Protein backbone atom coordinates (compact mmCIF):
# COMPACT_ATOMS: atom_id res chain seq x y z
CA UNK A 1 0.00 0.00 0.00
CA UNK A 2 1.52 3.37 -1.00
CA UNK A 3 2.58 5.82 1.73
CA UNK A 4 0.67 9.05 2.05
CA UNK A 5 3.03 12.02 2.04
CA UNK A 6 1.92 14.89 4.22
CA UNK A 7 2.76 18.42 3.20
CA UNK A 8 4.97 20.15 5.72
CA UNK A 9 3.89 23.68 6.53
CA UNK A 10 6.45 26.31 5.58
CA UNK A 11 8.00 27.95 8.65
CA UNK A 12 6.92 31.51 9.43
CA UNK A 13 8.11 34.05 11.94
CA UNK A 14 5.80 36.66 13.42
CA UNK A 15 7.78 39.95 13.40
CA UNK A 16 5.06 41.99 15.06
CA UNK A 17 6.61 41.81 18.57
CA UNK A 18 10.02 42.87 17.16
CA UNK A 19 8.48 45.88 15.39
CA UNK A 20 6.67 46.86 18.59
CA UNK A 21 9.94 46.58 20.53
CA UNK A 22 11.79 48.72 17.99
CA UNK A 23 9.18 51.48 18.24
CA UNK A 24 9.26 51.30 22.04
CA UNK A 25 13.04 51.75 22.02
CA UNK A 26 12.84 54.69 19.60
CA UNK A 27 10.16 56.32 21.77
CA UNK A 28 12.23 55.75 24.92
CA UNK A 29 15.34 57.39 23.45
CA UNK A 30 13.32 60.33 22.11
CA UNK A 31 11.77 61.00 25.51
CA UNK A 32 14.95 60.59 27.55
CA UNK A 33 17.42 62.36 25.24
CA UNK A 34 18.73 65.72 26.42
CA UNK A 35 19.69 68.21 23.74
CA UNK A 36 22.92 70.13 24.14
CA UNK A 37 22.61 73.90 24.00
CA UNK A 38 24.31 75.58 21.04
CA UNK A 39 27.64 77.13 21.95
CA UNK A 40 27.68 80.95 21.79
CA UNK A 41 30.87 80.98 19.72
CA UNK A 42 32.52 78.62 17.23
CA UNK A 43 36.14 77.74 18.00
CA UNK A 44 38.33 76.26 15.25
CA UNK A 45 41.42 75.02 17.14
CA UNK A 46 44.77 74.33 15.46
CA UNK A 47 45.58 70.80 14.34
CA UNK A 48 47.94 68.34 16.01
CA UNK A 49 48.86 64.64 15.99
CA UNK A 50 47.74 64.07 19.60
CA UNK A 51 45.02 61.44 19.93
CA UNK A 52 44.21 61.98 23.62
CA UNK A 53 40.59 62.77 24.45
CA UNK A 54 39.40 65.54 26.75
CA UNK A 55 38.54 63.99 30.15
CA UNK A 56 34.97 64.01 31.46
CA UNK A 57 35.71 66.09 34.58
CA UNK A 58 37.13 69.37 33.27
CA UNK A 59 37.21 73.13 33.68
CA UNK A 60 37.53 74.80 30.29
CA UNK A 61 38.36 78.25 28.91
CA UNK A 62 37.53 78.86 25.25
CA UNK A 63 39.22 81.75 23.42
CA UNK A 64 37.70 82.79 20.12
CA UNK A 65 39.45 84.37 17.13
CA UNK A 66 38.89 87.85 18.64
CA UNK A 67 40.57 86.86 21.90
CA UNK A 68 37.37 86.77 23.95
CA UNK A 69 37.37 84.23 26.80
CA UNK A 70 34.43 81.89 27.43
CA UNK A 71 34.11 79.57 30.42
CA UNK A 72 32.64 76.14 31.09
CA UNK A 73 32.51 73.41 33.76
CA UNK A 74 31.56 69.81 33.01
CA UNK A 75 30.65 68.73 36.55
CA UNK A 76 27.10 69.95 37.24
CA UNK A 77 27.41 69.81 41.03
CA UNK A 78 30.56 71.97 40.98
CA UNK A 79 28.99 74.21 38.33
CA UNK A 80 25.94 74.94 40.49
CA UNK A 81 28.04 75.72 43.56
CA UNK A 82 30.42 77.93 41.56
CA UNK A 83 27.49 79.90 40.18
CA UNK A 84 26.14 80.38 43.71
CA UNK A 85 29.45 81.81 44.93
CA UNK A 86 29.76 84.19 41.99
CA UNK A 87 26.19 85.43 42.41
CA UNK A 88 26.79 86.02 46.11
CA UNK A 89 30.07 87.86 45.49
CA UNK A 90 28.56 90.23 42.91
CA UNK A 91 25.12 90.43 44.56
CA UNK A 92 23.32 89.17 41.44
CA UNK A 93 19.88 87.56 41.67
CA UNK A 94 18.72 84.82 39.31
CA UNK A 95 15.32 83.17 39.16
CA UNK A 96 15.05 79.39 39.39
CA UNK A 97 14.26 79.31 35.68
CA UNK A 98 17.41 81.30 34.89
CA UNK A 99 19.52 79.00 37.07
CA UNK A 100 18.19 75.95 35.22
CA UNK A 101 18.99 77.66 31.93
CA UNK A 102 22.53 78.37 33.11
CA UNK A 103 23.03 74.70 33.94
CA UNK A 104 22.27 73.82 30.30
CA UNK A 105 25.09 76.00 28.96
CA UNK A 106 28.27 74.19 27.97
CA UNK A 107 30.18 77.50 27.90
CA UNK A 108 29.29 81.18 28.29
CA UNK A 109 31.16 84.44 27.80
CA UNK A 110 29.45 87.44 29.40
CA UNK A 111 30.00 89.77 32.32
CA UNK A 112 28.13 88.36 35.31
CA UNK A 113 26.07 91.56 35.46
CA UNK A 114 24.71 90.67 32.01
CA UNK A 115 23.98 87.06 32.99
CA UNK A 116 20.27 87.52 33.92
CA UNK A 117 19.59 89.22 30.58
CA UNK A 118 21.66 86.62 28.69
CA UNK A 119 19.81 83.67 30.24
CA UNK A 120 16.46 85.06 29.09
CA UNK A 121 17.56 84.99 25.44
CA UNK A 122 16.92 82.28 22.88
CA UNK A 123 19.82 80.41 21.26
CA UNK A 124 19.55 82.59 18.15
CA UNK A 125 19.64 85.79 20.23
CA UNK A 126 22.68 84.57 22.16
CA UNK A 127 24.52 83.91 18.92
CA UNK A 128 23.98 87.57 17.93
CA UNK A 129 24.60 88.99 21.42
CA UNK A 130 27.55 91.38 21.41
CA UNK A 131 29.91 90.46 24.22
CA UNK A 132 33.51 91.18 25.08
CA UNK A 133 33.76 87.79 26.76
CA UNK A 134 34.25 87.28 30.47
CA UNK A 135 36.19 90.22 31.96
CA UNK A 136 39.78 89.24 32.69
CA UNK A 137 41.82 92.18 33.96
CA UNK A 138 43.19 93.42 37.27
CA UNK A 139 40.20 95.72 37.90
CA UNK A 140 37.58 93.13 37.00
CA UNK A 141 39.09 89.62 37.31
CA UNK A 142 35.89 87.64 36.80
CA UNK A 143 37.53 84.89 34.73
CA UNK A 144 40.09 84.26 37.48
CA UNK A 145 37.28 84.04 40.04
CA UNK A 146 35.26 81.62 37.91
CA UNK A 147 38.32 79.38 37.52
CA UNK A 148 39.29 79.61 41.20
CA UNK A 149 35.81 78.85 42.55
CA UNK A 150 35.27 76.09 39.98
CA UNK A 151 38.61 74.47 40.90
CA UNK A 152 37.77 74.55 44.61
CA UNK A 153 34.25 73.19 44.13
CA UNK A 154 35.27 70.52 41.60
CA UNK A 155 38.02 69.29 43.93
CA UNK A 156 35.56 69.21 46.84
CA UNK A 157 33.09 67.14 44.78
CA UNK A 158 35.90 64.78 43.75
CA UNK A 159 37.13 64.24 47.33
CA UNK A 160 33.59 63.78 48.65
CA UNK A 161 32.82 61.16 45.99
CA UNK A 162 36.12 59.40 46.70
CA UNK A 163 35.39 59.27 50.44
CA UNK A 164 31.88 57.88 49.87
CA UNK A 165 33.24 55.19 47.57
CA UNK A 166 35.82 54.28 50.20
CA UNK A 167 33.18 54.00 52.93
CA UNK A 168 31.00 51.75 50.75
CA UNK A 169 34.06 49.80 49.54
CA UNK A 170 33.20 50.53 45.93
CA UNK A 171 35.49 50.99 42.95
CA UNK A 172 36.27 54.69 42.42
CA UNK A 173 36.65 55.69 38.77
CA UNK A 174 36.01 59.44 38.86
CA UNK A 175 38.89 61.52 37.49
CA UNK A 176 40.43 64.48 39.26
CA UNK A 177 39.37 67.84 37.79
CA UNK A 178 41.44 68.75 34.74
CA UNK A 179 41.96 72.21 33.28
CA UNK A 180 41.94 73.00 29.58
CA UNK A 181 42.33 75.91 27.15
CA UNK A 182 40.75 75.78 23.71
CA UNK A 183 41.82 78.62 21.42
CA UNK A 184 40.94 79.33 17.82
CA UNK A 185 43.82 78.92 15.39
CA UNK A 186 43.45 82.61 14.50
CA UNK A 187 43.66 83.78 18.12
CA UNK A 188 46.60 86.06 18.85
CA UNK A 189 49.22 84.64 21.21
CA UNK A 190 48.84 87.53 23.67
CA UNK A 191 45.21 86.52 24.35
CA UNK A 192 46.23 82.91 25.04
CA UNK A 193 49.12 84.00 27.27
CA UNK A 194 46.76 86.19 29.28
CA UNK A 195 44.55 83.17 30.04
CA UNK A 196 47.61 81.04 30.88
CA UNK A 197 48.74 83.77 33.28
CA UNK A 198 45.28 83.68 34.85
CA UNK A 199 45.70 79.97 35.58
CA UNK A 200 49.21 80.38 36.97
CA UNK A 201 48.14 83.33 39.15
CA UNK A 202 45.96 80.91 41.13
CA UNK A 203 48.73 78.27 41.14
CA UNK A 204 47.31 76.02 38.42
CA UNK A 205 50.34 75.03 36.36
CA UNK A 206 49.08 71.94 34.53
CA UNK A 207 46.39 72.20 31.87
CA UNK A 208 45.58 70.77 28.46
CA UNK A 209 45.59 72.70 25.20
CA UNK A 210 42.71 71.51 23.02
CA UNK A 211 43.55 70.95 19.37
CA UNK A 212 41.86 69.40 16.36
CA UNK A 213 43.18 65.94 15.52
CA UNK A 214 44.44 65.98 11.94
CA UNK A 215 42.50 62.79 11.35
CA UNK A 216 39.27 64.77 11.84
CA UNK A 217 37.70 64.71 15.35
CA UNK A 218 38.48 67.05 18.23
CA UNK A 219 41.19 65.92 20.63
CA UNK A 220 43.46 67.42 23.28
C-alpha atoms as a PDB file:
ATOM      1  CA  UNK A   1       0.000   0.000   0.000  1.00  0.00           C
ATOM      2  CA  UNK A   2       1.523   3.373  -1.001  1.00  0.00           C
ATOM      3  CA  UNK A   3       2.577   5.819   1.725  1.00  0.00           C
ATOM      4  CA  UNK A   4       0.668   9.047   2.047  1.00  0.00           C
ATOM      5  CA  UNK A   5       3.026  12.020   2.044  1.00  0.00           C
ATOM      6  CA  UNK A   6       1.918  14.888   4.217  1.00  0.00           C
ATOM      7  CA  UNK A   7       2.755  18.418   3.204  1.00  0.00           C
ATOM      8  CA  UNK A   8       4.973  20.146   5.722  1.00  0.00           C
ATOM      9  CA  UNK A   9       3.891  23.682   6.527  1.00  0.00           C
ATOM     10  CA  UNK A  10       6.451  26.314   5.576  1.00  0.00           C
ATOM     11  CA  UNK A  11       7.995  27.951   8.646  1.00  0.00           C
ATOM     12  CA  UNK A  12       6.925  31.506   9.433  1.00  0.00           C
ATOM     13  CA  UNK A  13       8.107  34.051  11.941  1.00  0.00           C
ATOM     14  CA  UNK A  14       5.796  36.663  13.416  1.00  0.00           C
ATOM     15  CA  UNK A  15       7.785  39.949  13.399  1.00  0.00           C
ATOM     16  CA  UNK A  16       5.058  41.994  15.058  1.00  0.00           C
ATOM     17  CA  UNK A  17       6.615  41.810  18.571  1.00  0.00           C
ATOM     18  CA  UNK A  18      10.021  42.873  17.158  1.00  0.00           C
ATOM     19  CA  UNK A  19       8.481  45.876  15.395  1.00  0.00           C
ATOM     20  CA  UNK A  20       6.675  46.860  18.593  1.00  0.00           C
ATOM     21  CA  UNK A  21       9.943  46.577  20.528  1.00  0.00           C
ATOM     22  CA  UNK A  22      11.790  48.717  17.995  1.00  0.00           C
ATOM     23  CA  UNK A  23       9.177  51.481  18.242  1.00  0.00           C
ATOM     24  CA  UNK A  24       9.265  51.302  22.043  1.00  0.00           C
ATOM     25  CA  UNK A  25      13.035  51.749  22.019  1.00  0.00           C
ATOM     26  CA  UNK A  26      12.842  54.690  19.603  1.00  0.00           C
ATOM     27  CA  UNK A  27      10.159  56.323  21.773  1.00  0.00           C
ATOM     28  CA  UNK A  28      12.231  55.748  24.921  1.00  0.00           C
ATOM     29  CA  UNK A  29      15.343  57.387  23.445  1.00  0.00           C
ATOM     30  CA  UNK A  30      13.316  60.327  22.105  1.00  0.00           C
ATOM     31  CA  UNK A  31      11.765  60.999  25.510  1.00  0.00           C
ATOM     32  CA  UNK A  32      14.949  60.591  27.547  1.00  0.00           C
ATOM     33  CA  UNK A  33      17.419  62.356  25.236  1.00  0.00           C
ATOM     34  CA  UNK A  34      18.726  65.723  26.425  1.00  0.00           C
ATOM     35  CA  UNK A  35      19.686  68.209  23.736  1.00  0.00           C
ATOM     36  CA  UNK A  36      22.916  70.134  24.136  1.00  0.00           C
ATOM     37  CA  UNK A  37      22.614  73.899  23.996  1.00  0.00           C
ATOM     38  CA  UNK A  38      24.309  75.583  21.035  1.00  0.00           C
ATOM     39  CA  UNK A  39      27.644  77.135  21.949  1.00  0.00           C
ATOM     40  CA  UNK A  40      27.677  80.954  21.787  1.00  0.00           C
ATOM     41  CA  UNK A  41      30.875  80.983  19.725  1.00  0.00           C
ATOM     42  CA  UNK A  42      32.515  78.619  17.233  1.00  0.00           C
ATOM     43  CA  UNK A  43      36.139  77.738  18.001  1.00  0.00           C
ATOM     44  CA  UNK A  44      38.330  76.259  15.253  1.00  0.00           C
ATOM     45  CA  UNK A  45      41.422  75.017  17.139  1.00  0.00           C
ATOM     46  CA  UNK A  46      44.775  74.332  15.455  1.00  0.00           C
ATOM     47  CA  UNK A  47      45.581  70.802  14.340  1.00  0.00           C
ATOM     48  CA  UNK A  48      47.943  68.336  16.006  1.00  0.00           C
ATOM     49  CA  UNK A  49      48.862  64.637  15.992  1.00  0.00           C
ATOM     50  CA  UNK A  50      47.742  64.068  19.596  1.00  0.00           C
ATOM     51  CA  UNK A  51      45.016  61.435  19.932  1.00  0.00           C
ATOM     52  CA  UNK A  52      44.207  61.985  23.621  1.00  0.00           C
ATOM     53  CA  UNK A  53      40.585  62.766  24.448  1.00  0.00           C
ATOM     54  CA  UNK A  54      39.395  65.541  26.752  1.00  0.00           C
ATOM     55  CA  UNK A  55      38.536  63.989  30.148  1.00  0.00           C
ATOM     56  CA  UNK A  56      34.974  64.006  31.463  1.00  0.00           C
ATOM     57  CA  UNK A  57      35.713  66.092  34.584  1.00  0.00           C
ATOM     58  CA  UNK A  58      37.133  69.371  33.268  1.00  0.00           C
ATOM     59  CA  UNK A  59      37.213  73.132  33.684  1.00  0.00           C
ATOM     60  CA  UNK A  60      37.526  74.804  30.291  1.00  0.00           C
ATOM     61  CA  UNK A  61      38.365  78.247  28.912  1.00  0.00           C
ATOM     62  CA  UNK A  62      37.530  78.857  25.246  1.00  0.00           C
ATOM     63  CA  UNK A  63      39.215  81.747  23.424  1.00  0.00           C
ATOM     64  CA  UNK A  64      37.698  82.790  20.116  1.00  0.00           C
ATOM     65  CA  UNK A  65      39.453  84.373  17.134  1.00  0.00           C
ATOM     66  CA  UNK A  66      38.888  87.852  18.636  1.00  0.00           C
ATOM     67  CA  UNK A  67      40.574  86.856  21.895  1.00  0.00           C
ATOM     68  CA  UNK A  68      37.366  86.773  23.947  1.00  0.00           C
ATOM     69  CA  UNK A  69      37.366  84.232  26.802  1.00  0.00           C
ATOM     70  CA  UNK A  70      34.429  81.890  27.427  1.00  0.00           C
ATOM     71  CA  UNK A  71      34.114  79.572  30.417  1.00  0.00           C
ATOM     72  CA  UNK A  72      32.639  76.142  31.086  1.00  0.00           C
ATOM     73  CA  UNK A  73      32.509  73.411  33.764  1.00  0.00           C
ATOM     74  CA  UNK A  74      31.557  69.810  33.007  1.00  0.00           C
ATOM     75  CA  UNK A  75      30.651  68.734  36.553  1.00  0.00           C
ATOM     76  CA  UNK A  76      27.099  69.946  37.244  1.00  0.00           C
ATOM     77  CA  UNK A  77      27.410  69.814  41.028  1.00  0.00           C
ATOM     78  CA  UNK A  78      30.559  71.972  40.984  1.00  0.00           C
ATOM     79  CA  UNK A  79      28.994  74.210  38.331  1.00  0.00           C
ATOM     80  CA  UNK A  80      25.942  74.945  40.486  1.00  0.00           C
ATOM     81  CA  UNK A  81      28.039  75.723  43.561  1.00  0.00           C
ATOM     82  CA  UNK A  82      30.423  77.926  41.562  1.00  0.00           C
ATOM     83  CA  UNK A  83      27.487  79.900  40.181  1.00  0.00           C
ATOM     84  CA  UNK A  84      26.144  80.382  43.708  1.00  0.00           C
ATOM     85  CA  UNK A  85      29.452  81.807  44.929  1.00  0.00           C
ATOM     86  CA  UNK A  86      29.758  84.193  41.994  1.00  0.00           C
ATOM     87  CA  UNK A  87      26.186  85.425  42.412  1.00  0.00           C
ATOM     88  CA  UNK A  88      26.792  86.022  46.113  1.00  0.00           C
ATOM     89  CA  UNK A  89      30.072  87.862  45.492  1.00  0.00           C
ATOM     90  CA  UNK A  90      28.561  90.231  42.914  1.00  0.00           C
ATOM     91  CA  UNK A  91      25.119  90.432  44.564  1.00  0.00           C
ATOM     92  CA  UNK A  92      23.321  89.173  41.441  1.00  0.00           C
ATOM     93  CA  UNK A  93      19.881  87.560  41.665  1.00  0.00           C
ATOM     94  CA  UNK A  94      18.718  84.820  39.310  1.00  0.00           C
ATOM     95  CA  UNK A  95      15.317  83.173  39.155  1.00  0.00           C
ATOM     96  CA  UNK A  96      15.054  79.387  39.387  1.00  0.00           C
ATOM     97  CA  UNK A  97      14.259  79.310  35.675  1.00  0.00           C
ATOM     98  CA  UNK A  98      17.411  81.298  34.890  1.00  0.00           C
ATOM     99  CA  UNK A  99      19.518  79.000  37.065  1.00  0.00           C
ATOM    100  CA  UNK A 100      18.187  75.951  35.224  1.00  0.00           C
ATOM    101  CA  UNK A 101      18.987  77.660  31.929  1.00  0.00           C
ATOM    102  CA  UNK A 102      22.525  78.368  33.107  1.00  0.00           C
ATOM    103  CA  UNK A 103      23.031  74.696  33.940  1.00  0.00           C
ATOM    104  CA  UNK A 104      22.265  73.818  30.303  1.00  0.00           C
ATOM    105  CA  UNK A 105      25.085  76.003  28.961  1.00  0.00           C
ATOM    106  CA  UNK A 106      28.269  74.189  27.974  1.00  0.00           C
ATOM    107  CA  UNK A 107      30.178  77.502  27.903  1.00  0.00           C
ATOM    108  CA  UNK A 108      29.289  81.176  28.292  1.00  0.00           C
ATOM    109  CA  UNK A 109      31.155  84.445  27.804  1.00  0.00           C
ATOM    110  CA  UNK A 110      29.446  87.441  29.397  1.00  0.00           C
ATOM    111  CA  UNK A 111      30.002  89.770  32.322  1.00  0.00           C
ATOM    112  CA  UNK A 112      28.127  88.356  35.314  1.00  0.00           C
ATOM    113  CA  UNK A 113      26.073  91.562  35.459  1.00  0.00           C
ATOM    114  CA  UNK A 114      24.712  90.667  32.011  1.00  0.00           C
ATOM    115  CA  UNK A 115      23.984  87.062  32.989  1.00  0.00           C
ATOM    116  CA  UNK A 116      20.269  87.516  33.923  1.00  0.00           C
ATOM    117  CA  UNK A 117      19.590  89.217  30.576  1.00  0.00           C
ATOM    118  CA  UNK A 118      21.659  86.616  28.691  1.00  0.00           C
ATOM    119  CA  UNK A 119      19.808  83.674  30.236  1.00  0.00           C
ATOM    120  CA  UNK A 120      16.457  85.064  29.086  1.00  0.00           C
ATOM    121  CA  UNK A 121      17.555  84.993  25.439  1.00  0.00           C
ATOM    122  CA  UNK A 122      16.922  82.282  22.876  1.00  0.00           C
ATOM    123  CA  UNK A 123      19.825  80.414  21.260  1.00  0.00           C
ATOM    124  CA  UNK A 124      19.552  82.591  18.155  1.00  0.00           C
ATOM    125  CA  UNK A 125      19.639  85.788  20.234  1.00  0.00           C
ATOM    126  CA  UNK A 126      22.680  84.565  22.161  1.00  0.00           C
ATOM    127  CA  UNK A 127      24.525  83.912  18.920  1.00  0.00           C
ATOM    128  CA  UNK A 128      23.977  87.567  17.931  1.00  0.00           C
ATOM    129  CA  UNK A 129      24.600  88.990  21.416  1.00  0.00           C
ATOM    130  CA  UNK A 130      27.546  91.376  21.407  1.00  0.00           C
ATOM    131  CA  UNK A 131      29.906  90.459  24.219  1.00  0.00           C
ATOM    132  CA  UNK A 132      33.506  91.178  25.082  1.00  0.00           C
ATOM    133  CA  UNK A 133      33.759  87.793  26.760  1.00  0.00           C
ATOM    134  CA  UNK A 134      34.246  87.276  30.472  1.00  0.00           C
ATOM    135  CA  UNK A 135      36.188  90.219  31.965  1.00  0.00           C
ATOM    136  CA  UNK A 136      39.779  89.242  32.687  1.00  0.00           C
ATOM    137  CA  UNK A 137      41.819  92.181  33.961  1.00  0.00           C
ATOM    138  CA  UNK A 138      43.189  93.421  37.267  1.00  0.00           C
ATOM    139  CA  UNK A 139      40.205  95.718  37.895  1.00  0.00           C
ATOM    140  CA  UNK A 140      37.582  93.130  36.998  1.00  0.00           C
ATOM    141  CA  UNK A 141      39.094  89.623  37.311  1.00  0.00           C
ATOM    142  CA  UNK A 142      35.894  87.639  36.798  1.00  0.00           C
ATOM    143  CA  UNK A 143      37.529  84.890  34.734  1.00  0.00           C
ATOM    144  CA  UNK A 144      40.086  84.265  37.478  1.00  0.00           C
ATOM    145  CA  UNK A 145      37.281  84.041  40.043  1.00  0.00           C
ATOM    146  CA  UNK A 146      35.257  81.617  37.910  1.00  0.00           C
ATOM    147  CA  UNK A 147      38.319  79.376  37.517  1.00  0.00           C
ATOM    148  CA  UNK A 148      39.293  79.609  41.199  1.00  0.00           C
ATOM    149  CA  UNK A 149      35.810  78.848  42.553  1.00  0.00           C
ATOM    150  CA  UNK A 150      35.275  76.088  39.982  1.00  0.00           C
ATOM    151  CA  UNK A 151      38.610  74.472  40.903  1.00  0.00           C
ATOM    152  CA  UNK A 152      37.767  74.554  44.607  1.00  0.00           C
ATOM    153  CA  UNK A 153      34.249  73.190  44.130  1.00  0.00           C
ATOM    154  CA  UNK A 154      35.269  70.521  41.601  1.00  0.00           C
ATOM    155  CA  UNK A 155      38.017  69.288  43.932  1.00  0.00           C
ATOM    156  CA  UNK A 156      35.565  69.212  46.840  1.00  0.00           C
ATOM    157  CA  UNK A 157      33.094  67.143  44.781  1.00  0.00           C
ATOM    158  CA  UNK A 158      35.901  64.776  43.751  1.00  0.00           C
ATOM    159  CA  UNK A 159      37.129  64.242  47.327  1.00  0.00           C
ATOM    160  CA  UNK A 160      33.592  63.777  48.652  1.00  0.00           C
ATOM    161  CA  UNK A 161      32.822  61.158  45.988  1.00  0.00           C
ATOM    162  CA  UNK A 162      36.123  59.400  46.701  1.00  0.00           C
ATOM    163  CA  UNK A 163      35.392  59.273  50.440  1.00  0.00           C
ATOM    164  CA  UNK A 164      31.879  57.882  49.872  1.00  0.00           C
ATOM    165  CA  UNK A 165      33.242  55.192  47.568  1.00  0.00           C
ATOM    166  CA  UNK A 166      35.820  54.277  50.202  1.00  0.00           C
ATOM    167  CA  UNK A 167      33.177  54.003  52.933  1.00  0.00           C
ATOM    168  CA  UNK A 168      31.004  51.747  50.755  1.00  0.00           C
ATOM    169  CA  UNK A 169      34.060  49.797  49.543  1.00  0.00           C
ATOM    170  CA  UNK A 170      33.200  50.527  45.929  1.00  0.00           C
ATOM    171  CA  UNK A 171      35.492  50.987  42.953  1.00  0.00           C
ATOM    172  CA  UNK A 172      36.266  54.685  42.423  1.00  0.00           C
ATOM    173  CA  UNK A 173      36.646  55.686  38.769  1.00  0.00           C
ATOM    174  CA  UNK A 174      36.013  59.436  38.859  1.00  0.00           C
ATOM    175  CA  UNK A 175      38.893  61.522  37.491  1.00  0.00           C
ATOM    176  CA  UNK A 176      40.431  64.484  39.257  1.00  0.00           C
ATOM    177  CA  UNK A 177      39.365  67.838  37.788  1.00  0.00           C
ATOM    178  CA  UNK A 178      41.436  68.749  34.744  1.00  0.00           C
ATOM    179  CA  UNK A 179      41.965  72.210  33.276  1.00  0.00           C
ATOM    180  CA  UNK A 180      41.937  73.003  29.577  1.00  0.00           C
ATOM    181  CA  UNK A 181      42.329  75.908  27.150  1.00  0.00           C
ATOM    182  CA  UNK A 182      40.750  75.777  23.711  1.00  0.00           C
ATOM    183  CA  UNK A 183      41.820  78.621  21.425  1.00  0.00           C
ATOM    184  CA  UNK A 184      40.936  79.332  17.816  1.00  0.00           C
ATOM    185  CA  UNK A 185      43.818  78.920  15.392  1.00  0.00           C
ATOM    186  CA  UNK A 186      43.447  82.612  14.501  1.00  0.00           C
ATOM    187  CA  UNK A 187      43.661  83.785  18.123  1.00  0.00           C
ATOM    188  CA  UNK A 188      46.603  86.059  18.847  1.00  0.00           C
ATOM    189  CA  UNK A 189      49.218  84.642  21.211  1.00  0.00           C
ATOM    190  CA  UNK A 190      48.844  87.527  23.669  1.00  0.00           C
ATOM    191  CA  UNK A 191      45.211  86.516  24.347  1.00  0.00           C
ATOM    192  CA  UNK A 192      46.225  82.907  25.041  1.00  0.00           C
ATOM    193  CA  UNK A 193      49.117  83.998  27.267  1.00  0.00           C
ATOM    194  CA  UNK A 194      46.756  86.189  29.280  1.00  0.00           C
ATOM    195  CA  UNK A 195      44.552  83.168  30.040  1.00  0.00           C
ATOM    196  CA  UNK A 196      47.612  81.035  30.875  1.00  0.00           C
ATOM    197  CA  UNK A 197      48.745  83.765  33.283  1.00  0.00           C
ATOM    198  CA  UNK A 198      45.280  83.683  34.854  1.00  0.00           C
ATOM    199  CA  UNK A 199      45.696  79.972  35.576  1.00  0.00           C
ATOM    200  CA  UNK A 200      49.206  80.380  36.968  1.00  0.00           C
ATOM    201  CA  UNK A 201      48.137  83.327  39.153  1.00  0.00           C
ATOM    202  CA  UNK A 202      45.962  80.906  41.126  1.00  0.00           C
ATOM    203  CA  UNK A 203      48.731  78.272  41.142  1.00  0.00           C
ATOM    204  CA  UNK A 204      47.314  76.022  38.423  1.00  0.00           C
ATOM    205  CA  UNK A 205      50.338  75.029  36.363  1.00  0.00           C
ATOM    206  CA  UNK A 206      49.080  71.943  34.529  1.00  0.00           C
ATOM    207  CA  UNK A 207      46.395  72.200  31.869  1.00  0.00           C
ATOM    208  CA  UNK A 208      45.575  70.767  28.459  1.00  0.00           C
ATOM    209  CA  UNK A 209      45.592  72.698  25.200  1.00  0.00           C
ATOM    210  CA  UNK A 210      42.706  71.514  23.025  1.00  0.00           C
ATOM    211  CA  UNK A 211      43.550  70.950  19.368  1.00  0.00           C
ATOM    212  CA  UNK A 212      41.862  69.400  16.359  1.00  0.00           C
ATOM    213  CA  UNK A 213      43.179  65.945  15.517  1.00  0.00           C
ATOM    214  CA  UNK A 214      44.440  65.980  11.939  1.00  0.00           C
ATOM    215  CA  UNK A 215      42.496  62.786  11.348  1.00  0.00           C
ATOM    216  CA  UNK A 216      39.269  64.773  11.844  1.00  0.00           C
ATOM    217  CA  UNK A 217      37.700  64.709  15.353  1.00  0.00           C
ATOM    218  CA  UNK A 218      38.484  67.050  18.231  1.00  0.00           C
ATOM    219  CA  UNK A 219      41.193  65.923  20.635  1.00  0.00           C
ATOM    220  CA  UNK A 220      43.460  67.419  23.281  1.00  0.00           C
END
